[in-house]
Amino acid sequence: MVAGQLIVNRRRIFKRILPGDRLFLIVIYTAIIFIFIATIYPIIYIFSSSFSDPVLVATGRVILLPKQITFTGYEYLLKNREIWTGYANSIFYTVAGTILNLIVTMSAGYALSRKDMVGRNILMGIFVFTMYFSGGLIPVYLNYRSFGLLNTRTIMLLSGLLSVFNLIVCRTFFASTIPWELHEASMIDGASDFKIFFRIILPLSKPVMTVMSLYYGVGHWNGYFSAMIYLRDRGKFPLQLFLREILIQSQMLANATFEAIDAEAIRQMAIMQDMANLLKYCVIVVATLPMLLIYPFLQRYFEKGVLIGSLKG
């Protein structure tokens, strides 16, 4: 009853809109529907392909929904112990790394946003300079080696500890959203800088903290380059590095060509190539599922946070 009344009200409102505006709305809604389909279809296709018969996937008969459901690819991945090791390492790197990122970024952004901080513009200029110019991979590698951080979990937490872009976002949020009079009132009441930051600033900064958590968390979860460069112990590899190896091996197997006369050998090779194609989709699902499950719970904060600095009251 309520849904029917809402539809009737929307139709009445749509009839009152001018023809030019009505055409504009039609174009906008059409574009939104097209973007939605273009975004959701690859996700559905990947999930469906990971549960479908690899022969049907390879021959292009899986278009949207899974066909001849099978869990062979996931069974292979679950039996791989290194996958579980990578999961544990990625969870640790993501959680611990994001916490450290938030501590450094939020505190630095707040300090640089304060009007009474001497030399804040100079420091901000130095930060921005490092965002555009860096020493390069080799000097950074030698620097980490001199500190004895190679092949340690610590390097995965310290590498990329601060993103200058995220620092600018936090600084803009503190400067444009939290009034300076709130700081002055707190200082008059006898609150220290630490108490102001932890008791007043952080509780008012949930949107920007959520956005920073998503940015840093997704970066840690998807990151493999730092591990590939700095780690040698496979017991410390993150999930993405193991998955990258599986993808490369599967792709090499799928593209391999063999001159075999034996029909049985040709059949076995075709089965292995289909399995490699199936593993590709299973690996993608395993890597992206955690972030897809977490995002809906943080969406309302993320929508507020992405508008940081765009509006001023």
Protein backbone atom coordinates (compact mmCIF):
# COMPACT_ATOMS: atom_id res chain seq x y z
CA MET A 1 0.00 0.00 0.00
CA VAL A 2 2.74 2.41 1.00
CA ALA A 3 4.90 1.44 -1.99
CA GLY A 4 1.99 1.98 -4.37
CA GLN A 5 1.31 5.42 -2.92
CA LEU A 6 4.98 6.36 -3.33
CA ILE A 7 4.91 5.32 -6.99
CA VAL A 8 1.79 7.42 -7.60
CA ASN A 9 3.36 10.45 -5.88
CA ARG A 10 6.53 10.12 -7.97
CA ARG A 11 4.50 9.95 -11.16
CA ARG A 12 2.66 13.12 -10.18
CA ILE A 13 5.93 14.92 -9.44
CA PHE A 14 7.42 13.71 -12.73
CA LYS A 15 4.42 15.10 -14.67
CA ARG A 16 4.95 18.53 -13.10
CA ILE A 17 8.56 18.74 -14.30
CA LEU A 18 9.22 20.86 -17.37
CA PRO A 19 9.90 18.97 -20.64
CA GLY A 20 13.53 20.09 -20.76
CA ASP A 21 14.16 19.00 -17.19
CA ARG A 22 12.32 15.75 -17.86
CA LEU A 23 14.64 14.97 -20.77
CA PHE A 24 17.63 15.78 -18.57
CA LEU A 25 16.40 13.36 -15.88
CA ILE A 26 15.82 10.64 -18.45
CA VAL A 27 19.39 11.02 -19.71
CA ILE A 28 20.78 11.00 -16.17
CA TYR A 29 18.83 7.91 -15.11
CA THR A 30 19.78 6.12 -18.32
CA ALA A 31 23.46 6.88 -17.71
CA ILE A 32 23.19 5.72 -14.08
CA ILE A 33 21.55 2.44 -15.13
CA PHE A 34 24.21 1.88 -17.79
CA ILE A 35 27.05 2.54 -15.32
CA PHE A 36 25.40 0.23 -12.77
CA ILE A 37 25.13 -2.60 -15.30
CA ALA A 38 28.69 -2.06 -16.51
CA THR A 39 29.90 -2.20 -12.89
CA ILE A 40 27.83 -5.09 -11.53
CA TYR A 41 28.03 -7.44 -14.54
CA PRO A 42 31.79 -8.20 -14.28
CA ILE A 43 31.39 -8.95 -10.56
CA ILE A 44 28.47 -11.34 -11.18
CA TYR A 45 30.29 -12.95 -14.09
CA ILE A 46 33.44 -13.58 -12.03
CA PHE A 47 31.46 -15.11 -9.16
CA SER A 48 29.45 -17.27 -11.56
CA SER A 49 32.55 -18.42 -13.44
CA SER A 50 34.29 -19.42 -10.20
CA PHE A 51 31.43 -21.85 -9.43
CA SER A 52 30.86 -23.14 -12.97
CA ASP A 53 32.26 -26.04 -14.93
CA PRO A 54 35.63 -24.86 -16.34
CA VAL A 55 34.83 -26.31 -19.77
CA LEU A 56 31.66 -24.22 -19.99
CA VAL A 57 33.59 -21.12 -18.87
CA ALA A 58 36.35 -21.70 -21.42
CA THR A 59 33.86 -22.18 -24.25
CA GLY A 60 31.97 -18.99 -23.36
CA ARG A 61 28.69 -20.65 -22.35
CA VAL A 62 28.66 -18.96 -18.94
CA ILE A 63 27.17 -15.53 -19.53
CA LEU A 64 25.58 -14.46 -16.25
CA LEU A 65 24.50 -17.28 -13.92
CA PRO A 66 26.66 -20.31 -13.01
CA LYS A 67 26.21 -23.56 -14.93
CA GLN A 68 26.97 -27.04 -13.59
CA ILE A 69 28.06 -25.73 -10.21
CA THR A 70 31.36 -27.07 -8.96
CA PHE A 71 33.65 -26.20 -6.04
CA THR A 72 36.78 -27.73 -7.52
CA GLY A 73 38.66 -24.43 -7.75
CA TYR A 74 37.90 -23.45 -4.17
CA GLU A 75 38.80 -26.93 -2.92
CA TYR A 76 42.20 -26.55 -4.53
CA LEU A 77 42.74 -23.13 -2.99
CA LEU A 78 41.61 -24.25 0.47
CA LYS A 79 44.00 -27.20 0.41
CA ASN A 80 46.87 -24.83 -0.29
CA ARG A 81 48.39 -24.04 3.11
CA GLU A 82 50.15 -20.98 1.79
CA ILE A 83 46.74 -19.40 1.09
CA TRP A 84 45.87 -19.59 4.79
CA THR A 85 49.30 -18.24 5.72
CA GLY A 86 48.81 -15.38 3.31
CA TYR A 87 45.35 -14.66 4.74
CA ALA A 88 46.72 -14.45 8.28
CA ASN A 89 49.59 -12.21 7.19
CA SER A 90 47.32 -9.93 5.13
CA ILE A 91 44.89 -9.53 8.03
CA PHE A 92 47.76 -8.61 10.33
CA TYR A 93 49.32 -6.19 7.84
CA THR A 94 45.94 -4.60 7.08
CA VAL A 95 44.77 -4.17 10.69
CA ALA A 96 48.08 -3.18 12.27
CA GLY A 97 49.19 -1.11 9.28
CA THR A 98 45.90 0.80 9.08
CA ILE A 99 46.02 1.60 12.80
CA LEU A 100 49.56 2.97 12.46
CA ASN A 101 48.56 4.91 9.34
CA LEU A 102 45.63 6.51 11.17
CA ILE A 103 47.76 7.45 14.17
CA VAL A 104 50.39 9.16 12.03
CA THR A 105 48.03 10.75 9.48
CA MET A 106 45.41 12.03 11.92
CA SER A 107 47.93 13.47 14.37
CA ALA A 108 50.02 15.10 11.63
CA GLY A 109 46.94 16.48 9.89
CA TYR A 110 45.61 17.94 13.11
CA ALA A 111 48.95 19.52 14.01
CA LEU A 112 49.33 21.10 10.56
CA SER A 113 45.78 22.47 10.70
CA ARG A 114 46.32 24.43 13.90
CA LYS A 115 46.79 28.15 13.49
CA ASP A 116 49.21 28.40 16.42
CA MET A 117 51.73 25.91 15.00
CA VAL A 118 54.92 27.70 14.02
CA GLY A 119 56.22 26.87 10.53
CA ARG A 120 53.25 24.75 9.52
CA ASN A 121 53.24 26.11 5.96
CA ILE A 122 56.92 25.26 5.52
CA LEU A 123 56.38 21.74 6.83
CA MET A 124 53.37 21.32 4.56
CA GLY A 125 55.47 22.41 1.60
CA ILE A 126 58.08 19.78 2.48
CA PHE A 127 55.39 17.10 2.64
CA VAL A 128 53.96 18.14 -0.72
CA PHE A 129 57.45 18.12 -2.26
CA THR A 130 57.93 14.49 -1.24
CA MET A 131 54.60 13.63 -2.88
CA TYR A 132 55.94 14.70 -6.30
CA PHE A 133 59.63 13.83 -5.94
CA SER A 134 61.14 10.77 -4.28
CA GLY A 135 64.57 9.21 -4.03
CA GLY A 136 63.63 6.15 -6.07
CA LEU A 137 63.42 2.46 -5.29
CA ILE A 138 67.13 1.68 -4.96
CA PRO A 139 67.95 4.39 -2.34
CA VAL A 140 64.86 3.39 -0.35
CA TYR A 141 65.90 -0.27 -0.50
CA LEU A 142 69.43 0.57 0.68
CA ASN A 143 68.00 2.71 3.45
CA TYR A 144 65.78 -0.11 4.72
CA ARG A 145 68.71 -2.52 4.52
CA SER A 146 70.92 -0.21 6.60
CA PHE A 147 68.26 -0.24 9.32
CA GLY A 148 68.04 -4.04 9.23
CA LEU A 149 64.38 -4.06 8.18
CA LEU A 150 64.62 -6.34 5.15
CA ASN A 151 62.67 -9.59 5.39
CA THR A 152 60.79 -8.46 8.51
CA ARG A 153 57.11 -7.84 9.17
CA THR A 154 57.99 -4.37 10.41
CA ILE A 155 58.90 -3.19 6.93
CA MET A 156 55.39 -4.03 5.72
CA LEU A 157 53.99 -1.70 8.38
CA LEU A 158 56.49 1.13 7.95
CA SER A 159 56.57 1.12 4.15
CA GLY A 160 54.07 3.77 3.05
CA LEU A 161 53.32 4.74 6.65
CA LEU A 162 52.08 8.17 5.57
CA SER A 163 50.27 9.17 2.40
CA VAL A 164 50.71 12.88 1.71
CA PHE A 165 47.43 13.01 -0.18
CA ASN A 166 45.57 11.56 2.82
CA LEU A 167 47.44 14.01 5.04
CA ILE A 168 46.14 16.91 2.94
CA VAL A 169 42.59 15.53 3.18
CA CYS A 170 42.80 15.28 6.98
CA ARG A 171 44.33 18.73 7.29
CA THR A 172 41.55 20.19 5.13
CA PHE A 173 38.91 18.44 7.22
CA PHE A 174 40.26 19.76 10.52
CA ALA A 175 40.74 23.28 9.16
CA SER A 176 37.34 23.60 7.45
CA THR A 177 35.04 21.53 9.64
CA ILE A 178 36.15 21.97 13.25
CA PRO A 179 35.93 25.64 14.33
CA TRP A 180 38.98 27.20 15.92
CA GLU A 181 36.77 28.63 18.67
CA LEU A 182 36.32 25.07 19.94
CA HIS A 183 40.05 24.81 20.52
CA GLU A 184 40.16 28.15 22.30
CA ALA A 185 37.25 27.22 24.56
CA SER A 186 38.92 23.92 25.43
CA MET A 187 42.22 25.63 26.22
CA ILE A 188 40.45 28.15 28.44
CA ASP A 189 38.89 25.23 30.35
CA GLY A 190 42.41 23.89 30.97
CA ALA A 191 42.46 21.02 28.46
CA SER A 192 45.88 20.00 27.16
CA ASP A 193 46.66 19.47 23.48
CA PHE A 194 46.47 15.70 23.88
CA LYS A 195 43.12 15.90 25.68
CA ILE A 196 41.73 18.20 22.99
CA PHE A 197 42.86 15.80 20.28
CA PHE A 198 41.63 12.57 21.88
CA ARG A 199 38.52 13.83 23.69
CA ILE A 200 37.18 16.43 21.24
CA ILE A 201 38.78 16.20 17.80
CA LEU A 202 38.75 12.44 17.22
CA PRO A 203 35.09 11.91 18.23
CA LEU A 204 34.13 14.59 15.69
CA SER A 205 36.29 13.04 12.98
CA LYS A 206 34.53 9.71 12.37
CA PRO A 207 33.79 10.41 8.67
CA VAL A 208 37.38 11.26 7.77
CA MET A 209 38.71 8.39 9.91
CA THR A 210 36.43 5.97 8.07
CA VAL A 211 37.59 7.26 4.68
CA MET A 212 41.24 7.00 5.73
CA SER A 213 40.65 3.49 7.07
CA LEU A 214 39.19 2.43 3.74
CA TYR A 215 41.97 4.04 1.72
CA TYR A 216 44.77 2.58 3.84
CA GLY A 217 43.04 -0.76 4.46
CA VAL A 218 42.38 -1.43 0.78
CA GLY A 219 45.95 -0.41 -0.01
CA HIS A 220 47.37 -2.86 2.55
CA TRP A 221 45.04 -5.66 1.49
CA ASN A 222 45.80 -5.32 -2.22
CA GLY A 223 49.48 -4.52 -1.82
CA TYR A 224 52.07 -7.01 -3.03
CA PHE A 225 54.87 -4.90 -4.52
CA SER A 226 56.54 -4.06 -1.20
CA ALA A 227 56.42 -7.71 -0.13
CA MET A 228 57.85 -8.79 -3.48
CA ILE A 229 60.78 -6.38 -3.07
CA TYR A 230 61.56 -6.57 0.65
CA LEU A 231 60.48 -10.06 1.79
CA ARG A 232 62.17 -13.40 1.13
CA ASP A 233 60.59 -15.62 3.79
CA ARG A 234 57.42 -17.18 2.33
CA GLY A 235 55.98 -17.45 5.83
CA LYS A 236 55.69 -13.63 5.85
CA PHE A 237 54.17 -13.21 2.39
CA PRO A 238 50.75 -11.52 2.21
CA LEU A 239 47.81 -13.15 0.45
CA GLN A 240 48.14 -11.06 -2.69
CA LEU A 241 51.67 -12.27 -3.35
CA PHE A 242 50.60 -15.92 -3.19
CA LEU A 243 47.61 -15.19 -5.38
CA ARG A 244 49.85 -13.40 -7.86
CA GLU A 245 52.03 -16.50 -8.10
CA ILE A 246 48.96 -18.69 -8.67
CA LEU A 247 47.69 -16.36 -11.38
CA ILE A 248 51.04 -16.30 -13.15
CA GLN A 249 51.39 -20.08 -13.00
CA SER A 250 47.81 -20.56 -14.17
CA GLN A 251 48.28 -18.10 -17.03
CA MET A 252 51.50 -19.80 -18.13
CA LEU A 253 49.76 -23.16 -18.06
CA ALA A 254 46.76 -21.83 -19.96
CA ASN A 255 48.98 -20.36 -22.69
CA ALA A 256 51.29 -23.34 -22.94
CA THR A 257 51.42 -25.25 -26.22
CA PHE A 258 52.62 -28.85 -26.45
CA GLU A 259 53.24 -30.98 -29.46
CA ALA A 260 51.82 -34.25 -28.23
CA ILE A 261 50.87 -37.20 -30.39
CA ASP A 262 49.23 -39.14 -27.58
CA ALA A 263 45.50 -38.33 -27.42
CA GLU A 264 45.41 -38.93 -23.65
CA ALA A 265 48.21 -36.45 -23.09
CA ILE A 266 46.35 -33.84 -25.15
CA ARG A 267 43.18 -34.46 -23.14
CA GLN A 268 45.00 -34.12 -19.81
CA MET A 269 46.62 -30.91 -20.97
CA ALA A 270 43.22 -29.49 -21.99
CA ILE A 271 41.86 -30.35 -18.53
CA MET A 272 44.78 -28.58 -16.86
CA GLN A 273 44.27 -25.50 -19.02
CA ASP A 274 40.56 -25.37 -18.13
CA MET A 275 41.45 -25.75 -14.46
CA ALA A 276 43.93 -22.89 -14.74
CA ASN A 277 41.20 -20.70 -16.20
CA LEU A 278 38.85 -21.66 -13.34
CA LEU A 279 41.50 -20.87 -10.71
CA LYS A 280 41.86 -17.40 -12.15
CA TYR A 281 38.28 -16.53 -11.22
CA CYS A 282 38.46 -18.26 -7.82
CA VAL A 283 41.58 -16.27 -6.97
CA ILE A 284 39.86 -12.99 -7.86
CA VAL A 285 36.88 -13.87 -5.63
CA VAL A 286 39.10 -14.85 -2.71
CA ALA A 287 41.05 -11.60 -2.99
CA THR A 288 38.11 -9.21 -3.30
CA LEU A 289 35.43 -10.79 -1.07
CA PRO A 290 36.66 -9.36 2.28
CA MET A 291 36.57 -5.77 1.02
CA LEU A 292 33.15 -6.30 -0.57
CA LEU A 293 31.79 -7.52 2.77
CA ILE A 294 33.27 -4.68 4.82
CA TYR A 295 32.31 -1.74 2.60
CA PRO A 296 28.49 -1.81 3.17
CA PHE A 297 28.99 -1.28 6.91
CA LEU A 298 31.18 1.79 6.30
CA GLN A 299 29.25 3.26 3.39
CA ARG A 300 27.33 5.95 5.30
CA TYR A 301 30.55 7.29 6.83
CA PHE A 302 32.33 7.06 3.48
CA GLU A 303 29.66 9.18 1.75
CA LYS A 304 30.20 11.94 4.31
CA GLY A 305 33.95 11.69 4.19
CA VAL A 306 34.35 11.97 0.42
CA LEU A 307 32.78 15.45 0.55
CA ILE A 308 35.46 16.72 2.93
CA GLY A 309 36.53 20.21 2.02
CA SER A 310 34.02 20.57 -0.83
CA LEU A 311 31.61 22.68 1.22
CA LYS A 312 32.18 25.43 3.73
CA GLY A 313 29.54 26.82 6.03
